[in-house]
Amino acid sequence: MLVEQGGPGTLSTVLANAKLHQAILIVRGSGGAADAIAEYLLCGSTSLEPFKGEKSQAQLSQAPTLTLALALTYTHTQAHTLH
């Protein structure tokens, strides 16, 4: 699964795929859900709207499911060099 940008619904999709042990590549710096997930994995919280709400924070708190995703977190610039 490639996560580049994305909205609040993307969090549910990412968590569902992580629970199925699917590979997840998060493009940090692309905006939206990708940045919220990357920030949460790196810092333990996110300051990005609309991901500061209670529902999004509850989903992000399941980040231990995404521990392997941290190793696959690329910056937006790095992702573009892959194309």
PDB file of N, CA and C in Angstrom:
ATOM      1  N   MET A   1       0.844  -1.156   0.000  1.00  0.00           N
ATOM      2  CA  MET A   1       0.000   0.000   0.000  1.00  0.00           C
ATOM      3  C   MET A   1       0.898   1.231   0.000  1.00  0.00           C
ATOM      4  N   LEU A   2       0.592   2.182  -0.867  1.00  0.00           N
ATOM      5  CA  LEU A   2       1.303   3.446  -0.938  1.00  0.00           C
ATOM      6  C   LEU A   2       0.419   4.530  -0.341  1.00  0.00           C
ATOM      7  N   VAL A   3       0.926   5.258   0.653  1.00  0.00           N
ATOM      8  CA  VAL A   3       0.167   6.329   1.292  1.00  0.00           C
ATOM      9  C   VAL A   3       0.844   7.645   0.939  1.00  0.00           C
ATOM     10  N   GLU A   4       0.233   8.368   0.025  1.00  0.00           N
ATOM     11  CA  GLU A   4       0.696   9.687  -0.377  1.00  0.00           C
ATOM     12  C   GLU A   4      -0.497  10.617  -0.229  1.00  0.00           C
ATOM     13  N   GLN A   5      -0.386  11.582   0.655  1.00  0.00           N
ATOM     14  CA  GLN A   5      -1.470  12.477   1.041  1.00  0.00           C
ATOM     15  C   GLN A   5      -2.570  11.669   1.729  1.00  0.00           C
ATOM     16  N   GLY A   6      -3.818  11.913   1.419  1.00  0.00           N
ATOM     17  CA  GLY A   6      -4.929  11.167   1.996  1.00  0.00           C
ATOM     18  C   GLY A   6      -5.674  11.958   3.049  1.00  0.00           C
ATOM     19  N   GLY A   7      -6.915  11.583   3.244  1.00  0.00           N
ATOM     20  CA  GLY A   7      -7.785  12.232   4.219  1.00  0.00           C
ATOM     21  C   GLY A   7      -7.970  11.366   5.442  1.00  0.00           C
ATOM     22  N   PRO A   8      -8.891  11.775   6.331  1.00  0.00           N
ATOM     23  CA  PRO A   8      -9.122  11.016   7.560  1.00  0.00           C
ATOM     24  C   PRO A   8      -9.499   9.550   7.319  1.00  0.00           C
ATOM     25  N   GLY A   9     -10.202   9.250   6.243  1.00  0.00           N
ATOM     26  CA  GLY A   9     -10.562   7.864   5.938  1.00  0.00           C
ATOM     27  C   GLY A   9      -9.358   6.998   5.618  1.00  0.00           C
ATOM     28  N   THR A  10      -8.280   7.621   5.219  1.00  0.00           N
ATOM     29  CA  THR A  10      -7.056   6.891   4.901  1.00  0.00           C
ATOM     30  C   THR A  10      -6.486   6.210   6.134  1.00  0.00           C
ATOM     31  N   LEU A  11      -6.683   6.810   7.316  1.00  0.00           N
ATOM     32  CA  LEU A  11      -6.178   6.198   8.551  1.00  0.00           C
ATOM     33  C   LEU A  11      -6.784   4.820   8.752  1.00  0.00           C
ATOM     34  N   SER A  12      -8.086   4.700   8.537  1.00  0.00           N
ATOM     35  CA  SER A  12      -8.760   3.401   8.695  1.00  0.00           C
ATOM     36  C   SER A  12      -8.218   2.386   7.704  1.00  0.00           C
ATOM     37  N   THR A  13      -8.014   2.823   6.483  1.00  0.00           N
ATOM     38  CA  THR A  13      -7.505   1.929   5.439  1.00  0.00           C
ATOM     39  C   THR A  13      -6.097   1.449   5.768  1.00  0.00           C
ATOM     40  N   VAL A  14      -5.257   2.360   6.222  1.00  0.00           N
ATOM     41  CA  VAL A  14      -3.877   2.004   6.574  1.00  0.00           C
ATOM     42  C   VAL A  14      -3.859   1.012   7.737  1.00  0.00           C
ATOM     43  N   LEU A  15      -4.642   1.283   8.775  1.00  0.00           N
ATOM     44  CA  LEU A  15      -4.679   0.375   9.921  1.00  0.00           C
ATOM     45  C   LEU A  15      -5.206  -0.999   9.540  1.00  0.00           C
ATOM     46  N   ALA A  16      -6.228  -1.042   8.701  1.00  0.00           N
ATOM     47  CA  ALA A  16      -6.772  -2.330   8.256  1.00  0.00           C
ATOM     48  C   ALA A  16      -5.720  -3.127   7.496  1.00  0.00           C
ATOM     49  N   ASN A  17      -4.981  -2.454   6.626  1.00  0.00           N
ATOM     50  CA  ASN A  17      -3.926  -3.133   5.861  1.00  0.00           C
ATOM     51  C   ASN A  17      -2.777  -3.574   6.763  1.00  0.00           C
ATOM     52  N   ALA A  18      -2.429  -2.757   7.764  1.00  0.00           N
ATOM     53  CA  ALA A  18      -1.367  -3.127   8.695  1.00  0.00           C
ATOM     54  C   ALA A  18      -1.749  -4.377   9.488  1.00  0.00           C
ATOM     55  N   LYS A  19      -3.017  -4.462   9.886  1.00  0.00           N
ATOM     56  CA  LYS A  19      -3.475  -5.628  10.640  1.00  0.00           C
ATOM     57  C   LYS A  19      -3.453  -6.893   9.797  1.00  0.00           C
ATOM     58  N   LEU A  20      -3.497  -6.728   8.482  1.00  0.00           N
ATOM     59  CA  LEU A  20      -3.407  -7.861   7.567  1.00  0.00           C
ATOM     60  C   LEU A  20      -1.965  -8.126   7.152  1.00  0.00           C
ATOM     61  N   HIS A  21      -1.031  -7.415   7.788  1.00  0.00           N
ATOM     62  CA  HIS A  21       0.402  -7.553   7.532  1.00  0.00           C
ATOM     63  C   HIS A  21       0.786  -7.202   6.100  1.00  0.00           C
ATOM     64  N   GLN A  22       0.069  -6.253   5.522  1.00  0.00           N
ATOM     65  CA  GLN A  22       0.379  -5.769   4.179  1.00  0.00           C
ATOM     66  C   GLN A  22       1.531  -4.768   4.262  1.00  0.00           C
ATOM     67  N   ALA A  23       2.341  -4.718   3.227  1.00  0.00           N
ATOM     68  CA  ALA A  23       3.425  -3.733   3.169  1.00  0.00           C
ATOM     69  C   ALA A  23       2.820  -2.339   3.002  1.00  0.00           C
ATOM     70  N   ILE A  24       3.373  -1.366   3.721  1.00  0.00           N
ATOM     71  CA  ILE A  24       2.869   0.003   3.675  1.00  0.00           C
ATOM     72  C   ILE A  24       4.043   0.945   3.474  1.00  0.00           C
ATOM     73  N   LEU A  25       3.957   1.772   2.462  1.00  0.00           N
ATOM     74  CA  LEU A  25       4.957   2.790   2.194  1.00  0.00           C
ATOM     75  C   LEU A  25       4.308   4.148   2.423  1.00  0.00           C
ATOM     76  N   ILE A  26       4.807   4.898   3.393  1.00  0.00           N
ATOM     77  CA  ILE A  26       4.256   6.208   3.743  1.00  0.00           C
ATOM     78  C   ILE A  26       5.176   7.279   3.178  1.00  0.00           C
ATOM     79  N   VAL A  27       4.626   8.166   2.354  1.00  0.00           N
ATOM     80  CA  VAL A  27       5.421   9.223   1.748  1.00  0.00           C
ATOM     81  C   VAL A  27       5.305  10.475   2.607  1.00  0.00           C
ATOM     82  N   ARG A  28       6.265  10.616   3.518  1.00  0.00           N
ATOM     83  CA  ARG A  28       6.306  11.773   4.414  1.00  0.00           C
ATOM     84  C   ARG A  28       6.613  13.028   3.620  1.00  0.00           C
ATOM     85  N   GLY A  29       5.880  14.097   3.879  1.00  0.00           N
ATOM     86  CA  GLY A  29       6.075  15.348   3.166  1.00  0.00           C
ATOM     87  C   GLY A  29       5.105  15.526   2.018  1.00  0.00           C
ATOM     88  N   SER A  30       4.263  14.512   1.789  1.00  0.00           N
ATOM     89  CA  SER A  30       3.289  14.612   0.695  1.00  0.00           C
ATOM     90  C   SER A  30       1.990  15.252   1.167  1.00  0.00           C
ATOM     91  N   GLY A  31       1.824  15.405   2.487  1.00  0.00           N
ATOM     92  CA  GLY A  31       0.634  16.038   3.035  1.00  0.00           C
ATOM     93  C   GLY A  31      -0.363  15.037   3.580  1.00  0.00           C
ATOM     94  N   GLY A  32      -1.431  15.572   4.135  1.00  0.00           N
ATOM     95  CA  GLY A  32      -2.570  14.779   4.588  1.00  0.00           C
ATOM     96  C   GLY A  32      -2.237  13.660   5.556  1.00  0.00           C
ATOM     97  N   ALA A  33      -2.917  12.545   5.371  1.00  0.00           N
ATOM     98  CA  ALA A  33      -2.793  11.404   6.270  1.00  0.00           C
ATOM     99  C   ALA A  33      -1.370  10.858   6.314  1.00  0.00           C
ATOM    100  N   ALA A  34      -0.667  10.892   5.186  1.00  0.00           N
ATOM    101  CA  ALA A  34       0.708  10.394   5.168  1.00  0.00           C
ATOM    102  C   ALA A  34       1.564  11.162   6.166  1.00  0.00           C
ATOM    103  N   ASP A  35       1.438  12.480   6.186  1.00  0.00           N
ATOM    104  CA  ASP A  35       2.215  13.288   7.126  1.00  0.00           C
ATOM    105  C   ASP A  35       1.756  13.075   8.558  1.00  0.00           C
ATOM    106  N   ALA A  36       0.454  12.934   8.769  1.00  0.00           N
ATOM    107  CA  ALA A  36      -0.064  12.709  10.123  1.00  0.00           C
ATOM    108  C   ALA A  36       0.464  11.385  10.680  1.00  0.00           C
ATOM    109  N   ILE A  37       0.460  10.345   9.873  1.00  0.00           N
ATOM    110  CA  ILE A  37       0.944   9.031  10.312  1.00  0.00           C
ATOM    111  C   ILE A  37       2.446   9.096  10.582  1.00  0.00           C
ATOM    112  N   ALA A  38       3.192   9.684   9.655  1.00  0.00           N
ATOM    113  CA  ALA A  38       4.641   9.788   9.836  1.00  0.00           C
ATOM    114  C   ALA A  38       4.982  10.593  11.087  1.00  0.00           C
ATOM    115  N   GLU A  39       4.294  11.716  11.289  1.00  0.00           N
ATOM    116  CA  GLU A  39       4.549  12.550  12.459  1.00  0.00           C
ATOM    117  C   GLU A  39       4.225  11.784  13.741  1.00  0.00           C
ATOM    118  N   TYR A  40       3.127  11.041  13.732  1.00  0.00           N
ATOM    119  CA  TYR A  40       2.753  10.271  14.916  1.00  0.00           C
ATOM    120  C   TYR A  40       3.793   9.189  15.210  1.00  0.00           C
ATOM    121  N   LEU A  41       4.249   8.500  14.170  1.00  0.00           N
ATOM    122  CA  LEU A  41       5.242   7.444  14.366  1.00  0.00           C
ATOM    123  C   LEU A  41       6.562   8.006  14.882  1.00  0.00           C
ATOM    124  N   LEU A  42       6.930   9.197  14.412  1.00  0.00           N
ATOM    125  CA  LEU A  42       8.202   9.798  14.806  1.00  0.00           C
ATOM    126  C   LEU A  42       8.130  10.549  16.132  1.00  0.00           C
ATOM    127  N   CYS A  43       6.986  11.173  16.428  1.00  0.00           N
ATOM    128  CA  CYS A  43       6.882  12.079  17.582  1.00  0.00           C
ATOM    129  C   CYS A  43       5.880  11.643  18.648  1.00  0.00           C
ATOM    130  N   GLY A  44       5.003  10.700  18.328  1.00  0.00           N
ATOM    131  CA  GLY A  44       3.992  10.265  19.285  1.00  0.00           C
ATOM    132  C   GLY A  44       2.731  11.101  19.293  1.00  0.00           C
ATOM    133  N   SER A  45       2.648  12.091  18.398  1.00  0.00           N
ATOM    134  CA  SER A  45       1.442  12.913  18.270  1.00  0.00           C
ATOM    135  C   SER A  45       1.478  13.596  16.912  1.00  0.00           C
ATOM    136  N   THR A  46       0.367  14.227  16.558  1.00  0.00           N
ATOM    137  CA  THR A  46       0.334  14.990  15.317  1.00  0.00           C
ATOM    138  C   THR A  46      -0.326  16.336  15.570  1.00  0.00           C
ATOM    139  N   SER A  47       0.167  17.335  14.892  1.00  0.00           N
ATOM    140  CA  SER A  47      -0.388  18.682  15.028  1.00  0.00           C
ATOM    141  C   SER A  47      -1.176  19.081  13.788  1.00  0.00           C
ATOM    142  N   LEU A  48      -1.355  18.138  12.870  1.00  0.00           N
ATOM    143  CA  LEU A  48      -1.982  18.438  11.589  1.00  0.00           C
ATOM    144  C   LEU A  48      -3.503  18.373  11.662  1.00  0.00           C
ATOM    145  N   GLU A  49      -4.167  19.382  11.105  1.00  0.00           N
ATOM    146  CA  GLU A  49      -5.618  19.355  10.927  1.00  0.00           C
ATOM    147  C   GLU A  49      -5.879  18.571   9.647  1.00  0.00           C
ATOM    148  N   PRO A  50      -6.896  17.788   9.508  1.00  0.00           N
ATOM    149  CA  PRO A  50      -7.978  17.489  10.454  1.00  0.00           C
ATOM    150  C   PRO A  50      -7.709  16.255  11.302  1.00  0.00           C
ATOM    151  N   PHE A  51      -6.465  15.959  11.578  1.00  0.00           N
ATOM    152  CA  PHE A  51      -6.101  14.728  12.283  1.00  0.00           C
ATOM    153  C   PHE A  51      -5.912  14.906  13.779  1.00  0.00           C
ATOM    154  N   LYS A  52      -6.271  16.083  14.311  1.00  0.00           N
ATOM    155  CA  LYS A  52      -6.143  16.352  15.737  1.00  0.00           C
ATOM    156  C   LYS A  52      -7.380  15.929  16.518  1.00  0.00           C
ATOM    157  N   GLY A  53      -8.452  15.575  15.806  1.00  0.00           N
ATOM    158  CA  GLY A  53      -9.705  15.198  16.461  1.00  0.00           C
ATOM    159  C   GLY A  53      -9.596  13.898  17.229  1.00  0.00           C
ATOM    160  N   GLU A  54     -10.587  13.670  18.075  1.00  0.00           N
ATOM    161  CA  GLU A  54     -10.588  12.501  18.952  1.00  0.00           C
ATOM    162  C   GLU A  54     -10.554  11.182  18.169  1.00  0.00           C
ATOM    163  N   LYS A  55     -11.361  11.091  17.116  1.00  0.00           N
ATOM    164  CA  LYS A  55     -11.411   9.843  16.342  1.00  0.00           C
ATOM    165  C   LYS A  55     -10.067   9.568  15.670  1.00  0.00           C
ATOM    166  N   SER A  56      -9.483  10.584  15.046  1.00  0.00           N
ATOM    167  CA  SER A  56      -8.194  10.407  14.376  1.00  0.00           C
ATOM    168  C   SER A  56      -7.098  10.062  15.373  1.00  0.00           C
ATOM    169  N   GLN A  57      -7.114  10.720  16.540  1.00  0.00           N
ATOM    170  CA  GLN A  57      -6.104  10.437  17.555  1.00  0.00           C
ATOM    171  C   GLN A  57      -6.238   8.999  18.061  1.00  0.00           C
ATOM    172  N   ALA A  58      -7.475   8.516  18.190  1.00  0.00           N
ATOM    173  CA  ALA A  58      -7.691   7.131  18.620  1.00  0.00           C
ATOM    174  C   ALA A  58      -7.134   6.163  17.585  1.00  0.00           C
ATOM    175  N   GLN A  59      -7.347   6.487  16.307  1.00  0.00           N
ATOM    176  CA  GLN A  59      -6.803   5.631  15.254  1.00  0.00           C
ATOM    177  C   GLN A  59      -5.282   5.684  15.244  1.00  0.00           C
ATOM    178  N   LEU A  60      -4.726   6.874  15.372  1.00  0.00           N
ATOM    179  CA  LEU A  60      -3.274   7.011  15.373  1.00  0.00           C
ATOM    180  C   LEU A  60      -2.644   6.328  16.584  1.00  0.00           C
ATOM    181  N   SER A  61      -3.396   6.229  17.678  1.00  0.00           N
ATOM    182  CA  SER A  61      -2.856   5.574  18.873  1.00  0.00           C
ATOM    183  C   SER A  61      -2.630   4.085  18.636  1.00  0.00           C
ATOM    184  N   GLN A  62      -3.181   3.568  17.549  1.00  0.00           N
ATOM    185  CA  GLN A  62      -2.953   2.176  17.178  1.00  0.00           C
ATOM    186  C   GLN A  62      -1.662   2.039  16.378  1.00  0.00           C
ATOM    187  N   ALA A  63      -0.862   3.088  16.375  1.00  0.00           N
ATOM    188  CA  ALA A  63       0.377   3.122  15.601  1.00  0.00           C
ATOM    189  C   ALA A  63       1.342   1.976  15.895  1.00  0.00           C
ATOM    190  N   PRO A  64       1.339   1.375  17.095  1.00  0.00           N
ATOM    191  CA  PRO A  64       2.241   0.232  17.261  1.00  0.00           C
ATOM    192  C   PRO A  64       2.026  -0.846  16.200  1.00  0.00           C
ATOM    193  N   THR A  65       0.815  -0.911  15.649  1.00  0.00           N
ATOM    194  CA  THR A  65       0.533  -1.829  14.549  1.00  0.00           C
ATOM    195  C   THR A  65       1.378  -1.468  13.338  1.00  0.00           C
ATOM    196  N   LEU A  66       1.780  -0.190  13.277  1.00  0.00           N
ATOM    197  CA  LEU A  66       2.507   0.317  12.109  1.00  0.00           C
ATOM    198  C   LEU A  66       4.006   0.434  12.349  1.00  0.00           C
ATOM    199  N   THR A  67       4.542  -0.246  13.346  1.00  0.00           N
ATOM    200  CA  THR A  67       5.956  -0.062  13.664  1.00  0.00           C
ATOM    201  C   THR A  67       6.855  -0.383  12.483  1.00  0.00           C
ATOM    202  N   LEU A  68       6.502  -1.366  11.682  1.00  0.00           N
ATOM    203  CA  LEU A  68       7.317  -1.679  10.511  1.00  0.00           C
ATOM    204  C   LEU A  68       7.208  -0.601   9.450  1.00  0.00           C
ATOM    205  N   ALA A  69       6.102   0.138   9.464  1.00  0.00           N
ATOM    206  CA  ALA A  69       5.924   1.198   8.478  1.00  0.00           C
ATOM    207  C   ALA A  69       6.967   2.290   8.645  1.00  0.00           C
ATOM    208  N   LEU A  70       7.450   2.486   9.858  1.00  0.00           N
ATOM    209  CA  LEU A  70       8.443   3.523  10.101  1.00  0.00           C
ATOM    210  C   LEU A  70       9.688   3.274   9.261  1.00  0.00           C
ATOM    211  N   ALA A  71      10.065   2.030   9.103  1.00  0.00           N
ATOM    212  CA  ALA A  71      11.237   1.708   8.291  1.00  0.00           C
ATOM    213  C   ALA A  71      10.989   2.001   6.818  1.00  0.00           C
ATOM    214  N   LEU A  72       9.722   2.102   6.431  1.00  0.00           N
ATOM    215  CA  LEU A  72       9.380   2.333   5.037  1.00  0.00           C
ATOM    216  C   LEU A  72       8.872   3.746   4.791  1.00  0.00           C
ATOM    217  N   THR A  73       9.193   4.667   5.694  1.00  0.00           N
ATOM    218  CA  THR A  73       8.740   6.039   5.546  1.00  0.00           C
ATOM    219  C   THR A  73       9.747   6.815   4.708  1.00  0.00           C
ATOM    220  N   TYR A  74       9.353   7.208   3.535  1.00  0.00           N
ATOM    221  CA  TYR A  74      10.195   7.986   2.636  1.00  0.00           C
ATOM    222  C   TYR A  74       9.748   9.437   2.667  1.00  0.00           C
ATOM    223  N   THR A  75      10.649  10.330   2.348  1.00  0.00           N
ATOM    224  CA  THR A  75      10.231  11.711   2.184  1.00  0.00           C
ATOM    225  C   THR A  75       9.643  11.866   0.791  1.00  0.00           C
ATOM    226  N   HIS A  76       8.892  12.935   0.592  1.00  0.00           N
ATOM    227  CA  HIS A  76       8.282  13.211  -0.699  1.00  0.00           C
ATOM    228  C   HIS A  76       9.345  13.280  -1.796  1.00  0.00           C
ATOM    229  N   THR A  77      10.473  13.898  -1.518  1.00  0.00           N
ATOM    230  CA  THR A  77      11.561  14.017  -2.502  1.00  0.00           C
ATOM    231  C   THR A  77      12.122  12.655  -2.849  1.00  0.00           C
ATOM    232  N   GLN A  78      12.339  11.809  -1.871  1.00  0.00           N
ATOM    233  CA  GLN A  78      12.862  10.479  -2.132  1.00  0.00           C
ATOM    234  C   GLN A  78      11.900   9.672  -2.979  1.00  0.00           C
ATOM    235  N   ALA A  79      10.613   9.801  -2.726  1.00  0.00           N
ATOM    236  CA  ALA A  79       9.612   9.044  -3.482  1.00  0.00           C
ATOM    237  C   ALA A  79       9.631   9.437  -4.942  1.00  0.00           C
ATOM    238  N   HIS A  80       9.795  10.712  -5.223  1.00  0.00           N
ATOM    239  CA  HIS A  80       9.820  11.153  -6.617  1.00  0.00           C
ATOM    240  C   HIS A  80      11.053  10.647  -7.358  1.00  0.00           C
ATOM    241  N   THR A  81      12.134  10.393  -6.645  1.00  0.00           N
ATOM    242  CA  THR A  81      13.326   9.845  -7.302  1.00  0.00           C
ATOM    243  C   THR A  81      13.140   8.380  -7.647  1.00  0.00           C
ATOM    244  N   LEU A  82      12.134   7.740  -7.045  1.00  0.00           N
ATOM    245  CA  LEU A  82      11.842   6.339  -7.356  1.00  0.00           C
ATOM    246  C   LEU A  82      11.105   6.170  -8.673  1.00  0.00           C
ATOM    247  N   HIS A  83      10.470   7.248  -9.146  1.00  0.00           N
ATOM    248  CA  HIS A  83       9.659   7.160 -10.375  1.00  0.00           C
ATOM    249  C   HIS A  83      10.528   7.052 -11.597  1.00  0.00           C
TER     250      HIS A  83
END
